Amino acid sequence: MNITGLLARDTYDSYLGGYIDAVQAGNTLTFNVIFTANSYVYQRNLTMGVKFDWMTSFQNTTSDTAVYAGQTLTVTLASAIPALTGQYSGLNQQAHTWTLELWDMAQGATWNAYGCSDYNYAPPYVQPMCRSLSSNGYPYTYHSLAVYSSAQASSYNSKLQASAMINSLNNVLGNTITPAPGTSSALAMLAQANTQMALANNAYALGDFSTAQTDYQNALNDANAAQSSLSTIGGGTDAATFTSIWIEAVAVLFGGIGALLVGFAGFKYLRVRTRASAGYAPSTAPKA
């Protein structure tokens, strides 16, 4: 089985305090079950239904699907997730469970009120038969379902992007004692991005999703600015930092006077001074 329409799978939600699958309120989840019939020859008539914990009954497929011996097909059921209004306004305040049942029974029959059981493991393979799947159930592929508001969904997407960029920038810029040339602006924006991320994480954990949405977006904007500042020298990067480190490097190479000699005039001065030094001899004799 697989589910389409999820915003996230197996992600930790600090407000709900656990790992969840997430869907945005008002969107549709589609359950797709791949069914393979065994070799026993008879017509199977499949119907499928889902029940979330906010529902009082199963929502079923509108008609049955005929399946024959050895045949494989996919049974699909789409279910709309309520908007966060009215009686459903608090759906995002807790994690939810769901149960999916796939029934094989005579055409026109109704589901067994006494529960879902599978008698298809041995002859005579009599109908009705049923298989049940659920959130948090074996084989533990799916978790409890979180229904996100638009602010939560936006927070998740911004956090996902900002975290990836911030982690990359931290790896590149955070492991040096002396900032590399042209990186001071990027470091400042990265520090700001990390601060905004921390504020957003705290707001989200406290259930202040509107503030979290703003702070996560700010973290993403700062991370983008930090990355952009590294793209060119003389544009977004800090030219003063680059020049400062260049002067220090020249000073070392030229015995401490490099800070006064950077630029064409300085190098010309060095050349003239070298020619005037005692013992200087050109590499080739002057022409007559």
C-alpha atoms as a PDB file:
ATOM      1  CA  MET A   1       0.000   0.000   0.000  1.00  0.00           C
ATOM      2  CA  ASN A   2       1.037   3.587  -0.557  1.00  0.00           C
ATOM      3  CA  ILE A   3      -0.527   6.947   0.215  1.00  0.00           C
ATOM      4  CA  THR A   4      -0.264  10.021  -1.983  1.00  0.00           C
ATOM      5  CA  GLY A   5      -1.079  13.584  -0.987  1.00  0.00           C
ATOM      6  CA  LEU A   6       1.071  13.699   2.149  1.00  0.00           C
ATOM      7  CA  LEU A   7       3.110  16.803   2.903  1.00  0.00           C
ATOM      8  CA  ALA A   8       5.671  14.816   4.915  1.00  0.00           C
ATOM      9  CA  ARG A   9       6.341  11.271   6.059  1.00  0.00           C
ATOM     10  CA  ASP A  10       8.129  10.039   9.160  1.00  0.00           C
ATOM     11  CA  THR A  11       9.052  13.524  10.360  1.00  0.00           C
ATOM     12  CA  TYR A  12       9.389  14.702  13.971  1.00  0.00           C
ATOM     13  CA  ASP A  13       6.837  17.280  15.096  1.00  0.00           C
ATOM     14  CA  SER A  14       8.031  19.150  18.193  1.00  0.00           C
ATOM     15  CA  TYR A  15       4.547  20.444  19.028  1.00  0.00           C
ATOM     16  CA  LEU A  16       2.904  17.006  18.879  1.00  0.00           C
ATOM     17  CA  GLY A  17       5.958  15.380  20.450  1.00  0.00           C
ATOM     18  CA  GLY A  18       6.454  12.458  18.078  1.00  0.00           C
ATOM     19  CA  TYR A  19       7.067  11.191  14.565  1.00  0.00           C
ATOM     20  CA  ILE A  20       4.137  11.740  12.235  1.00  0.00           C
ATOM     21  CA  ASP A  21       2.958  11.765   8.660  1.00  0.00           C
ATOM     22  CA  ALA A  22       1.555  15.180   7.754  1.00  0.00           C
ATOM     23  CA  VAL A  23      -1.127  16.427   5.406  1.00  0.00           C
ATOM     24  CA  GLN A  24      -2.388  19.967   4.950  1.00  0.00           C
ATOM     25  CA  ALA A  25      -5.998  20.537   5.939  1.00  0.00           C
ATOM     26  CA  GLY A  26      -8.340  20.706   2.951  1.00  0.00           C
ATOM     27  CA  ASN A  27      -6.150  18.464   0.796  1.00  0.00           C
ATOM     28  CA  THR A  28      -6.908  14.921  -0.356  1.00  0.00           C
ATOM     29  CA  LEU A  29      -5.198  11.699   0.670  1.00  0.00           C
ATOM     30  CA  THR A  30      -5.341   8.817  -1.785  1.00  0.00           C
ATOM     31  CA  PHE A  31      -4.888   5.245  -0.558  1.00  0.00           C
ATOM     32  CA  ASN A  32      -3.598   2.777  -3.152  1.00  0.00           C
ATOM     33  CA  VAL A  33      -3.641  -0.938  -2.290  1.00  0.00           C
ATOM     34  CA  ILE A  34      -2.014  -3.448  -4.625  1.00  0.00           C
ATOM     35  CA  PHE A  35      -3.990  -6.696  -4.498  1.00  0.00           C
ATOM     36  CA  THR A  36      -2.892 -10.053  -5.953  1.00  0.00           C
ATOM     37  CA  ALA A  37      -5.432 -12.859  -6.012  1.00  0.00           C
ATOM     38  CA  ASN A  38      -4.333 -16.400  -5.244  1.00  0.00           C
ATOM     39  CA  SER A  39      -4.829 -19.297  -7.646  1.00  0.00           C
ATOM     40  CA  TYR A  40      -8.168 -20.438  -6.255  1.00  0.00           C
ATOM     41  CA  VAL A  41     -10.692 -19.948  -9.036  1.00  0.00           C
ATOM     42  CA  TYR A  42     -13.597 -17.708  -8.151  1.00  0.00           C
ATOM     43  CA  GLN A  43     -14.588 -14.069  -8.658  1.00  0.00           C
ATOM     44  CA  ARG A  44     -13.508 -11.745  -5.880  1.00  0.00           C
ATOM     45  CA  ASN A  45     -15.472  -8.538  -5.426  1.00  0.00           C
ATOM     46  CA  LEU A  46     -13.364  -5.951  -3.641  1.00  0.00           C
ATOM     47  CA  THR A  47     -14.540  -2.880  -1.806  1.00  0.00           C
ATOM     48  CA  MET A  48     -12.342  -0.611   0.302  1.00  0.00           C
ATOM     49  CA  GLY A  49     -13.042   1.907   3.046  1.00  0.00           C
ATOM     50  CA  VAL A  50     -11.129   4.238   5.367  1.00  0.00           C
ATOM     51  CA  LYS A  51     -12.026   5.635   8.756  1.00  0.00           C
ATOM     52  CA  PHE A  52     -10.118   8.433  10.489  1.00  0.00           C
ATOM     53  CA  ASP A  53     -10.532   8.908  14.220  1.00  0.00           C
ATOM     54  CA  TRP A  54     -12.682  12.008  13.655  1.00  0.00           C
ATOM     55  CA  MET A  55     -15.191   9.945  11.633  1.00  0.00           C
ATOM     56  CA  THR A  56     -18.049   7.802  12.966  1.00  0.00           C
ATOM     57  CA  SER A  57     -18.152   5.370  10.015  1.00  0.00           C
ATOM     58  CA  PHE A  58     -16.064   4.147   7.116  1.00  0.00           C
ATOM     59  CA  GLN A  59     -15.914   6.061   3.846  1.00  0.00           C
ATOM     60  CA  ASN A  60     -16.108   3.379   1.143  1.00  0.00           C
ATOM     61  CA  THR A  61     -15.455   3.008  -2.546  1.00  0.00           C
ATOM     62  CA  THR A  62     -18.600   3.606  -4.570  1.00  0.00           C
ATOM     63  CA  SER A  63     -18.542   0.214  -6.334  1.00  0.00           C
ATOM     64  CA  ASP A  64     -16.833  -3.161  -6.071  1.00  0.00           C
ATOM     65  CA  THR A  65     -13.927  -4.285  -8.236  1.00  0.00           C
ATOM     66  CA  ALA A  66     -13.934  -7.774  -9.772  1.00  0.00           C
ATOM     67  CA  VAL A  67     -10.672  -9.735  -9.448  1.00  0.00           C
ATOM     68  CA  TYR A  68      -9.963 -13.224 -10.775  1.00  0.00           C
ATOM     69  CA  ALA A  69      -7.467 -15.954  -9.902  1.00  0.00           C
ATOM     70  CA  GLY A  70      -3.845 -14.837 -10.280  1.00  0.00           C
ATOM     71  CA  GLN A  71      -4.794 -11.279 -11.225  1.00  0.00           C
ATOM     72  CA  THR A  72      -3.011  -8.224  -9.758  1.00  0.00           C
ATOM     73  CA  LEU A  73      -4.564  -4.769  -9.637  1.00  0.00           C
ATOM     74  CA  THR A  74      -4.643  -1.579  -7.575  1.00  0.00           C
ATOM     75  CA  VAL A  75      -7.657  -0.538  -5.551  1.00  0.00           C
ATOM     76  CA  THR A  76      -7.765   3.229  -4.984  1.00  0.00           C
ATOM     77  CA  LEU A  77      -9.717   5.366  -2.532  1.00  0.00           C
ATOM     78  CA  ALA A  78      -9.447   9.173  -2.248  1.00  0.00           C
ATOM     79  CA  SER A  79     -10.451  10.859   0.995  1.00  0.00           C
ATOM     80  CA  ALA A  80     -10.740  14.616   1.543  1.00  0.00           C
ATOM     81  CA  ILE A  81      -9.205  15.969   4.748  1.00  0.00           C
ATOM     82  CA  PRO A  82     -11.486  18.558   6.411  1.00  0.00           C
ATOM     83  CA  ALA A  83     -10.584  22.229   6.542  1.00  0.00           C
ATOM     84  CA  LEU A  84      -9.837  23.560  10.024  1.00  0.00           C
ATOM     85  CA  THR A  85     -13.247  25.149  10.550  1.00  0.00           C
ATOM     86  CA  GLY A  86     -16.277  24.439  12.705  1.00  0.00           C
ATOM     87  CA  GLN A  87     -16.160  21.068  14.427  1.00  0.00           C
ATOM     88  CA  TYR A  88     -12.823  20.333  12.760  1.00  0.00           C
ATOM     89  CA  SER A  89     -11.085  23.554  13.833  1.00  0.00           C
ATOM     90  CA  GLY A  90      -8.900  21.720  16.351  1.00  0.00           C
ATOM     91  CA  LEU A  91      -7.755  18.815  14.186  1.00  0.00           C
ATOM     92  CA  ASN A  92      -4.200  20.203  14.115  1.00  0.00           C
ATOM     93  CA  GLN A  93      -3.938  20.120  17.910  1.00  0.00           C
ATOM     94  CA  GLN A  94      -3.299  16.362  18.100  1.00  0.00           C
ATOM     95  CA  ALA A  95      -2.102  13.430  16.017  1.00  0.00           C
ATOM     96  CA  HIS A  96      -4.734  11.160  14.468  1.00  0.00           C
ATOM     97  CA  THR A  97      -5.136   7.519  13.516  1.00  0.00           C
ATOM     98  CA  TRP A  98      -6.764   5.849  10.530  1.00  0.00           C
ATOM     99  CA  THR A  99      -7.910   2.339   9.619  1.00  0.00           C
ATOM    100  CA  LEU A 100      -8.245   0.987   6.083  1.00  0.00           C
ATOM    101  CA  GLU A 101     -10.234  -2.187   5.319  1.00  0.00           C
ATOM    102  CA  LEU A 102     -10.348  -4.155   2.066  1.00  0.00           C
ATOM    103  CA  TRP A 103     -13.294  -6.536   1.771  1.00  0.00           C
ATOM    104  CA  ASP A 104     -14.054  -9.420  -0.604  1.00  0.00           C
ATOM    105  CA  MET A 105     -17.732 -10.351  -0.583  1.00  0.00           C
ATOM    106  CA  ALA A 106     -20.682 -11.134  -2.757  1.00  0.00           C
ATOM    107  CA  GLN A 107     -21.814  -8.313  -4.994  1.00  0.00           C
ATOM    108  CA  GLY A 108     -24.261  -6.059  -3.217  1.00  0.00           C
ATOM    109  CA  ALA A 109     -23.397  -7.434   0.214  1.00  0.00           C
ATOM    110  CA  THR A 110     -22.671  -5.210   3.202  1.00  0.00           C
ATOM    111  CA  TRP A 111     -19.622  -5.240   5.437  1.00  0.00           C
ATOM    112  CA  ASN A 112     -19.549  -7.560   8.416  1.00  0.00           C
ATOM    113  CA  ALA A 113     -20.538  -5.578  11.486  1.00  0.00           C
ATOM    114  CA  TYR A 114     -18.456  -7.897  13.695  1.00  0.00           C
ATOM    115  CA  GLY A 115     -15.090  -6.812  12.355  1.00  0.00           C
ATOM    116  CA  CYS A 116     -12.501  -7.468   9.694  1.00  0.00           C
ATOM    117  CA  SER A 117     -11.196 -11.058   9.406  1.00  0.00           C
ATOM    118  CA  ASP A 118      -9.256 -12.930   6.715  1.00  0.00           C
ATOM    119  CA  TYR A 119     -10.380 -16.487   6.003  1.00  0.00           C
ATOM    120  CA  ASN A 120      -8.384 -16.654   2.794  1.00  0.00           C
ATOM    121  CA  TYR A 121      -5.488 -18.661   4.231  1.00  0.00           C
ATOM    122  CA  ALA A 122      -7.074 -22.116   3.603  1.00  0.00           C
ATOM    123  CA  PRO A 123      -9.915 -23.765   1.648  1.00  0.00           C
ATOM    124  CA  PRO A 124     -12.752 -23.357   1.050  1.00  0.00           C
ATOM    125  CA  TYR A 125     -11.903 -19.623   0.584  1.00  0.00           C
ATOM    126  CA  VAL A 126     -15.408 -18.559   1.389  1.00  0.00           C
ATOM    127  CA  GLN A 127     -16.596 -14.983   1.334  1.00  0.00           C
ATOM    128  CA  PRO A 128     -16.673 -12.615   3.104  1.00  0.00           C
ATOM    129  CA  MET A 129     -12.997 -11.966   3.771  1.00  0.00           C
ATOM    130  CA  CYS A 130     -11.239  -8.796   4.866  1.00  0.00           C
ATOM    131  CA  ARG A 131      -7.746  -7.354   5.312  1.00  0.00           C
ATOM    132  CA  SER A 132      -7.112  -4.404   7.604  1.00  0.00           C
ATOM    133  CA  LEU A 133      -4.293  -1.834   7.509  1.00  0.00           C
ATOM    134  CA  SER A 134      -3.792   1.051   9.916  1.00  0.00           C
ATOM    135  CA  SER A 135      -1.523   3.886  10.972  1.00  0.00           C
ATOM    136  CA  ASN A 136       1.102   2.638  13.439  1.00  0.00           C
ATOM    137  CA  GLY A 137       0.197  -0.932  12.475  1.00  0.00           C
ATOM    138  CA  TYR A 138       2.367  -3.726  11.086  1.00  0.00           C
ATOM    139  CA  PRO A 139       4.560  -3.412   9.041  1.00  0.00           C
ATOM    140  CA  TYR A 140       4.816   0.073  10.642  1.00  0.00           C
ATOM    141  CA  THR A 141       5.189   1.875   7.336  1.00  0.00           C
ATOM    142  CA  TYR A 142       2.931   4.746   8.318  1.00  0.00           C
ATOM    143  CA  HIS A 143       2.670   6.847  11.473  1.00  0.00           C
ATOM    144  CA  SER A 144      -0.072   8.837  13.148  1.00  0.00           C
ATOM    145  CA  LEU A 145      -1.430  11.561  10.912  1.00  0.00           C
ATOM    146  CA  ALA A 146      -0.974  15.266  11.644  1.00  0.00           C
ATOM    147  CA  VAL A 147      -3.398  17.659   9.954  1.00  0.00           C
ATOM    148  CA  TYR A 148      -1.480  20.894   9.348  1.00  0.00           C
ATOM    149  CA  SER A 149      -2.817  24.410   9.064  1.00  0.00           C
ATOM    150  CA  SER A 150      -1.476  26.566   6.233  1.00  0.00           C
ATOM    151  CA  ALA A 151       0.957  28.207   8.690  1.00  0.00           C
ATOM    152  CA  GLN A 152       2.261  24.793   9.766  1.00  0.00           C
ATOM    153  CA  ALA A 153       2.618  23.612   6.170  1.00  0.00           C
ATOM    154  CA  SER A 154       4.478  26.793   5.225  1.00  0.00           C
ATOM    155  CA  SER A 155       6.673  26.426   8.311  1.00  0.00           C
ATOM    156  CA  TYR A 156       7.560  22.863   7.350  1.00  0.00           C
ATOM    157  CA  ASN A 157       8.537  23.793   3.793  1.00  0.00           C
ATOM    158  CA  SER A 158      10.594  26.839   4.828  1.00  0.00           C
ATOM    159  CA  LYS A 159      12.307  24.907   7.607  1.00  0.00           C
ATOM    160  CA  LEU A 160      13.194  22.086   5.218  1.00  0.00           C
ATOM    161  CA  GLN A 161      14.854  24.465   2.756  1.00  0.00           C
ATOM    162  CA  ALA A 162      16.496  26.700   5.371  1.00  0.00           C
ATOM    163  CA  SER A 163      17.917  23.741   7.313  1.00  0.00           C
ATOM    164  CA  ALA A 164      19.568  22.312   4.207  1.00  0.00           C
ATOM    165  CA  MET A 165      21.205  25.644   3.338  1.00  0.00           C
ATOM    166  CA  ILE A 166      22.225  26.485   6.902  1.00  0.00           C
ATOM    167  CA  ASN A 167      23.805  23.057   7.436  1.00  0.00           C
ATOM    168  CA  SER A 168      25.795  23.398   4.214  1.00  0.00           C
ATOM    169  CA  LEU A 169      26.946  26.923   5.104  1.00  0.00           C
ATOM    170  CA  ASN A 170      27.848  25.860   8.643  1.00  0.00           C
ATOM    171  CA  ASN A 171      29.978  23.054   7.227  1.00  0.00           C
ATOM    172  CA  VAL A 172      31.780  25.415   4.855  1.00  0.00           C
ATOM    173  CA  LEU A 173      32.124  28.519   7.002  1.00  0.00           C
ATOM    174  CA  GLY A 174      31.990  27.222  10.528  1.00  0.00           C
ATOM    175  CA  ASN A 175      35.195  25.195  10.536  1.00  0.00           C
ATOM    176  CA  THR A 176      37.745  27.978  10.087  1.00  0.00           C
ATOM    177  CA  ILE A 177      39.478  30.000  12.820  1.00  0.00           C
ATOM    178  CA  THR A 178      40.175  32.963  10.551  1.00  0.00           C
ATOM    179  CA  PRO A 179      37.398  33.896   8.120  1.00  0.00           C
ATOM    180  CA  ALA A 180      38.296  33.245   4.507  1.00  0.00           C
ATOM    181  CA  PRO A 181      38.542  36.247   2.166  1.00  0.00           C
ATOM    182  CA  GLY A 182      35.190  37.809   1.388  1.00  0.00           C
ATOM    183  CA  THR A 183      33.158  35.764   3.884  1.00  0.00           C
ATOM    184  CA  SER A 184      32.421  38.174   6.736  1.00  0.00           C
ATOM    185  CA  SER A 185      29.099  39.234   5.227  1.00  0.00           C
ATOM    186  CA  ALA A 186      28.116  35.595   4.706  1.00  0.00           C
ATOM    187  CA  LEU A 187      29.103  34.751   8.273  1.00  0.00           C
ATOM    188  CA  ALA A 188      26.979  37.600   9.624  1.00  0.00           C
ATOM    189  CA  MET A 189      23.946  36.488   7.608  1.00  0.00           C
ATOM    190  CA  LEU A 190      24.536  32.862   8.602  1.00  0.00           C
ATOM    191  CA  ALA A 191      24.586  33.812  12.283  1.00  0.00           C
ATOM    192  CA  GLN A 192      21.316  35.658  11.770  1.00  0.00           C
ATOM    193  CA  ALA A 193      19.813  32.650   9.977  1.00  0.00           C
ATOM    194  CA  ASN A 194      20.784  30.376  12.861  1.00  0.00           C
ATOM    195  CA  THR A 195      19.165  32.782  15.323  1.00  0.00           C
ATOM    196  CA  GLN A 196      15.944  32.954  13.313  1.00  0.00           C
ATOM    197  CA  MET A 197      15.882  29.162  13.074  1.00  0.00           C
ATOM    198  CA  ALA A 198      16.195  28.814  16.849  1.00  0.00           C
ATOM    199  CA  LEU A 199      13.386  31.330  17.402  1.00  0.00           C
ATOM    200  CA  ALA A 200      11.183  29.524  14.880  1.00  0.00           C
ATOM    201  CA  ASN A 201      11.790  26.115  16.467  1.00  0.00           C
ATOM    202  CA  ASN A 202      10.834  27.476  19.873  1.00  0.00           C
ATOM    203  CA  ALA A 203       7.683  29.196  18.578  1.00  0.00           C
ATOM    204  CA  TYR A 204       6.559  26.049  16.761  1.00  0.00           C
ATOM    205  CA  ALA A 205       7.096  23.822  19.801  1.00  0.00           C
ATOM    206  CA  LEU A 206       4.889  26.194  21.811  1.00  0.00           C
ATOM    207  CA  GLY A 207       2.134  26.094  19.185  1.00  0.00           C
ATOM    208  CA  ASP A 208       2.647  29.656  17.934  1.00  0.00           C
ATOM    209  CA  PHE A 209       2.508  28.616  14.288  1.00  0.00           C
ATOM    210  CA  SER A 210       2.069  32.120  12.868  1.00  0.00           C
ATOM    211  CA  THR A 211       5.283  33.367  14.511  1.00  0.00           C
ATOM    212  CA  ALA A 212       7.073  30.170  13.537  1.00  0.00           C
ATOM    213  CA  GLN A 213       6.042  30.665   9.906  1.00  0.00           C
ATOM    214  CA  THR A 214       7.527  34.181   9.883  1.00  0.00           C
ATOM    215  CA  ASP A 215      10.747  33.154  11.643  1.00  0.00           C
ATOM    216  CA  TYR A 216      11.318  30.127   9.393  1.00  0.00           C
ATOM    217  CA  GLN A 217      10.867  32.347   6.337  1.00  0.00           C
ATOM    218  CA  ASN A 218      13.332  34.847   7.802  1.00  0.00           C
ATOM    219  CA  ALA A 219      15.825  32.042   8.403  1.00  0.00           C
ATOM    220  CA  LEU A 220      15.446  30.965   4.771  1.00  0.00           C
ATOM    221  CA  ASN A 221      15.868  34.545   3.521  1.00  0.00           C
ATOM    222  CA  ASP A 222      19.027  35.023   5.620  1.00  0.00           C
ATOM    223  CA  ALA A 223      20.459  31.710   4.463  1.00  0.00           C
ATOM    224  CA  ASN A 224      19.790  32.692   0.843  1.00  0.00           C
ATOM    225  CA  ALA A 225      21.498  36.050   1.434  1.00  0.00           C
ATOM    226  CA  ALA A 226      24.507  34.345   2.994  1.00  0.00           C
ATOM    227  CA  GLN A 227      24.833  31.999   0.049  1.00  0.00           C
ATOM    228  CA  SER A 228      24.410  34.808  -2.473  1.00  0.00           C
ATOM    229  CA  SER A 229      27.121  36.892  -0.809  1.00  0.00           C
ATOM    230  CA  LEU A 230      29.639  34.166  -1.614  1.00  0.00           C
ATOM    231  CA  SER A 231      28.882  34.124  -5.315  1.00  0.00           C
ATOM    232  CA  THR A 232      31.020  37.066  -6.462  1.00  0.00           C
ATOM    233  CA  ILE A 233      33.900  39.173  -5.179  1.00  0.00           C
ATOM    234  CA  GLY A 234      33.248  42.898  -5.176  1.00  0.00           C
ATOM    235  CA  GLY A 235      29.512  42.331  -5.374  1.00  0.00           C
ATOM    236  CA  GLY A 236      27.821  40.739  -2.404  1.00  0.00           C
ATOM    237  CA  THR A 237      31.043  39.706  -0.696  1.00  0.00           C
ATOM    238  CA  ASP A 238      33.004  41.838   1.760  1.00  0.00           C
ATOM    239  CA  ALA A 239      35.801  43.406  -0.303  1.00  0.00           C
ATOM    240  CA  ALA A 240      37.301  45.042   2.808  1.00  0.00           C
ATOM    241  CA  THR A 241      37.869  41.657   4.403  1.00  0.00           C
ATOM    242  CA  PHE A 242      39.413  40.322   1.214  1.00  0.00           C
ATOM    243  CA  THR A 243      41.761  43.354   0.963  1.00  0.00           C
ATOM    244  CA  SER A 244      42.728  43.135   4.613  1.00  0.00           C
ATOM    245  CA  ILE A 245      43.738  39.497   4.357  1.00  0.00           C
ATOM    246  CA  TRP A 246      45.569  40.197   1.071  1.00  0.00           C
ATOM    247  CA  ILE A 247      47.604  42.983   2.721  1.00  0.00           C
ATOM    248  CA  GLU A 248      48.524  40.699   5.596  1.00  0.00           C
ATOM    249  CA  ALA A 249      49.646  38.023   3.156  1.00  0.00           C
ATOM    250  CA  VAL A 250      51.765  40.492   1.147  1.00  0.00           C
ATOM    251  CA  ALA A 251      53.318  41.836   4.344  1.00  0.00           C
ATOM    252  CA  VAL A 252      54.531  38.378   5.254  1.00  0.00           C
ATOM    253  CA  LEU A 253      55.960  37.796   1.807  1.00  0.00           C
ATOM    254  CA  PHE A 254      57.812  41.122   1.691  1.00  0.00           C
ATOM    255  CA  GLY A 255      59.336  41.242   5.123  1.00  0.00           C
ATOM    256  CA  GLY A 256      56.777  43.408   6.893  1.00  0.00           C
ATOM    257  CA  ILE A 257      56.595  46.313   4.463  1.00  0.00           C
ATOM    258  CA  GLY A 258      53.926  44.810   2.238  1.00  0.00           C
ATOM    259  CA  ALA A 259      51.142  46.807   3.873  1.00  0.00           C
ATOM    260  CA  LEU A 260      52.695  49.926   2.331  1.00  0.00           C
ATOM    261  CA  LEU A 261      53.454  48.354  -1.008  1.00  0.00           C
ATOM    262  CA  VAL A 262      50.186  46.893  -2.221  1.00  0.00           C
ATOM    263  CA  GLY A 263      49.306  48.055  -5.688  1.00  0.00           C
ATOM    264  CA  PHE A 264      51.253  49.026  -8.749  1.00  0.00           C
ATOM    265  CA  ALA A 265      53.163  51.881  -7.090  1.00  0.00           C
ATOM    266  CA  GLY A 266      54.368  49.615  -4.338  1.00  0.00           C
ATOM    267  CA  PHE A 267      55.619  46.985  -6.715  1.00  0.00           C
ATOM    268  CA  LYS A 268      57.287  49.696  -8.847  1.00  0.00           C
ATOM    269  CA  TYR A 269      58.966  50.977  -5.686  1.00  0.00           C
ATOM    270  CA  LEU A 270      60.283  47.535  -4.910  1.00  0.00           C
ATOM    271  CA  ARG A 271      61.647  47.151  -8.435  1.00  0.00           C
ATOM    272  CA  VAL A 272      63.431  50.548  -8.346  1.00  0.00           C
ATOM    273  CA  ARG A 273      64.777  49.918  -4.874  1.00  0.00           C
ATOM    274  CA  THR A 274      66.089  46.539  -5.941  1.00  0.00           C
ATOM    275  CA  ARG A 275      67.927  48.043  -8.921  1.00  0.00           C
ATOM    276  CA  ALA A 276      69.530  50.645  -6.632  1.00  0.00           C
ATOM    277  CA  SER A 277      70.689  48.130  -4.084  1.00  0.00           C
ATOM    278  CA  ALA A 278      74.403  47.494  -3.744  1.00  0.00           C
ATOM    279  CA  GLY A 279      75.500  44.405  -5.629  1.00  0.00           C
ATOM    280  CA  TYR A 280      72.573  44.506  -8.033  1.00  0.00           C
ATOM    281  CA  ALA A 281      73.457  43.210 -11.473  1.00  0.00           C
ATOM    282  CA  PRO A 282      71.075  42.762 -14.366  1.00  0.00           C
ATOM    283  CA  SER A 283      70.591  39.206 -15.667  1.00  0.00           C
ATOM    284  CA  THR A 284      71.899  40.230 -19.108  1.00  0.00           C
ATOM    285  CA  ALA A 285      74.394  42.850 -20.195  1.00  0.00           C
ATOM    286  CA  PRO A 286      72.933  46.117 -21.544  1.00  0.00           C
ATOM    287  CA  LYS A 287      73.002  46.534 -25.262  1.00  0.00           C
ATOM    288  CA  ALA A 288      75.442  49.037 -26.797  1.00  0.00           C
END
